[in-house]
Amino acid sequence: MNLLKYIKCDVDNVKLSLCEKYLYMKPLTILFRLKLEQCVEYIYFDLYQYTNIISDKLKYFVTHLRQNCINNKSDAVNTLRRIYDKNSYIECEFIIYTVDDIVYNALHEKLNV
C-alpha cells in the first residue's frame, strides 16, 4: 500500500511524498482542501492522483515547449499561460512555482521525469 507522507512544512510550502514523487503545496491550499472536503480518504485519493498528474504535466509542458522551439523564458511563460488548465489551481500553482525548472528542462535537460 502506498502512503502519502508528510515530509516538511515551512511558511511557504508543505512537501508531501508518494511513490518517490513530491508534491509542494501552499499551507493555505491544503487547509482549504481539508475544509472543503468531508472525507480524508477523498483528499488522500486526490493528492495521490495529483502527484501522478504533476509528473505527466511536467513532461507535457517540457515536450510542448521543445516541439514549438520555445527558447526563452518570456515566450515559455506566455505559451504555458495559453495551454494550462485554468480550472485547476494545482496546475496553476505548479506552473507559478516551477516555471524556471520547466524552462530549464525544456532547454537543457533530457526528459527523465
Protein backbone atom coordinates (compact mmCIF):
# COMPACT_ATOMS: atom_id res chain seq x y z
CA MET A 1 0.00 0.00 0.00
CA ASN A 2 1.36 3.41 -0.95
CA LEU A 3 1.17 6.03 1.75
CA LEU A 4 1.15 9.75 1.27
CA LYS A 5 3.91 11.03 3.55
CA TYR A 6 4.22 14.44 5.11
CA ILE A 7 7.86 15.48 4.63
CA LYS A 8 8.13 19.04 5.86
CA CYS A 9 6.28 22.29 6.26
CA ASP A 10 7.53 25.83 6.36
CA VAL A 11 5.80 29.17 5.97
CA ASP A 12 5.77 28.91 2.18
CA ASN A 13 5.28 25.24 1.32
CA VAL A 14 4.17 21.83 2.50
CA LYS A 15 6.13 18.97 0.97
CA LEU A 16 4.35 15.65 0.52
CA SER A 17 5.80 12.44 -0.86
CA LEU A 18 4.19 9.48 -2.58
CA CYS A 19 5.97 6.74 -4.51
CA GLU A 20 9.20 8.76 -4.58
CA LYS A 21 7.40 11.74 -6.16
CA TYR A 22 6.99 15.02 -4.37
CA LEU A 23 4.14 17.48 -4.27
CA TYR A 24 4.58 21.01 -2.96
CA MET A 25 1.54 22.99 -1.93
CA LYS A 26 0.88 26.18 -0.05
CA PRO A 27 -0.29 25.50 3.53
CA LEU A 28 -3.42 27.53 2.82
CA THR A 29 -4.19 25.34 -0.19
CA ILE A 30 -4.04 22.22 1.98
CA LEU A 31 -6.15 23.83 4.69
CA PHE A 32 -8.64 24.96 2.07
CA ARG A 33 -8.86 21.40 0.71
CA LEU A 34 -9.35 19.98 4.19
CA LYS A 35 -12.13 22.43 4.97
CA LEU A 36 -13.94 21.75 1.71
CA GLU A 37 -13.73 18.00 1.68
CA GLN A 38 -15.79 15.87 4.02
CA CYS A 39 -13.73 12.76 3.77
CA VAL A 40 -10.00 12.35 4.40
CA GLU A 41 -9.86 9.36 2.05
CA TYR A 42 -11.18 11.53 -0.76
CA ILE A 43 -8.45 14.12 -0.13
CA TYR A 44 -5.84 11.37 0.02
CA PHE A 45 -7.07 9.96 -3.29
CA ASP A 46 -6.98 13.45 -4.84
CA LEU A 47 -3.44 14.09 -3.65
CA TYR A 48 -2.35 10.65 -4.81
CA GLN A 49 -3.68 11.36 -8.29
CA TYR A 50 -2.18 14.87 -8.34
CA THR A 51 1.34 13.51 -7.83
CA ASN A 52 0.96 11.44 -10.98
CA ILE A 53 -0.77 14.26 -12.86
CA ILE A 54 2.03 16.70 -11.98
CA SER A 55 4.66 14.31 -13.33
CA ASP A 56 2.67 13.93 -16.54
CA LYS A 57 2.12 17.69 -16.79
CA LEU A 58 5.84 18.38 -16.43
CA LYS A 59 6.53 16.02 -19.32
CA TYR A 60 3.73 17.60 -21.36
CA PHE A 61 4.86 21.20 -20.75
CA VAL A 62 8.53 20.45 -21.46
CA THR A 63 7.65 18.49 -24.61
CA HIS A 64 5.30 21.23 -25.80
CA LEU A 65 7.96 23.92 -25.35
CA ARG A 66 10.54 21.80 -27.16
CA GLN A 67 8.24 20.95 -30.07
CA ASN A 68 7.37 24.62 -30.52
CA CYS A 69 11.02 25.69 -30.38
CA ILE A 70 10.46 28.00 -27.40
CA ASN A 71 13.93 29.16 -26.39
CA ASN A 72 13.44 31.93 -23.85
CA LYS A 73 11.59 32.31 -20.57
CA SER A 74 9.24 35.06 -21.73
CA ASP A 75 7.91 33.01 -24.64
CA ALA A 76 7.75 29.93 -22.44
CA VAL A 77 5.65 31.70 -19.80
CA ASN A 78 3.28 33.05 -22.45
CA THR A 79 2.94 29.59 -24.01
CA LEU A 80 2.36 27.92 -20.64
CA ARG A 81 -0.27 30.54 -19.81
CA ARG A 82 -2.13 29.60 -23.00
CA ILE A 83 -2.03 25.82 -22.57
CA TYR A 84 -2.56 25.16 -18.86
CA ASP A 85 -5.96 24.21 -17.42
CA LYS A 86 -7.34 27.44 -15.98
CA ASN A 87 -9.79 25.48 -13.83
CA SER A 88 -7.02 23.62 -12.00
CA TYR A 89 -5.49 25.55 -9.11
CA ILE A 90 -2.94 22.74 -8.71
CA GLU A 91 -1.77 23.19 -12.29
CA CYS A 92 -1.71 26.96 -11.84
CA GLU A 93 0.44 26.73 -8.70
CA PHE A 94 2.66 24.14 -10.36
CA ILE A 95 3.45 26.49 -13.22
CA ILE A 96 3.93 29.51 -10.97
CA TYR A 97 6.40 27.76 -8.67
CA THR A 98 8.24 25.65 -11.23
CA VAL A 99 8.35 27.77 -14.39
CA ASP A 100 12.13 28.15 -14.07
CA ASP A 101 12.54 24.37 -13.82
CA ILE A 102 10.13 23.74 -16.70
CA VAL A 103 12.03 26.17 -18.94
CA TYR A 104 15.41 24.80 -17.85
CA ASN A 105 14.29 21.22 -18.57
CA ALA A 106 12.90 22.25 -21.95
CA LEU A 107 16.12 23.96 -22.97
CA HIS A 108 18.85 21.90 -21.32
CA GLU A 109 17.85 18.57 -19.80
CA LYS A 110 16.90 15.20 -21.14
CA LEU A 111 13.32 14.44 -20.17
CA ASN A 112 13.79 11.78 -17.48
CA VAL A 113 10.99 12.70 -15.11
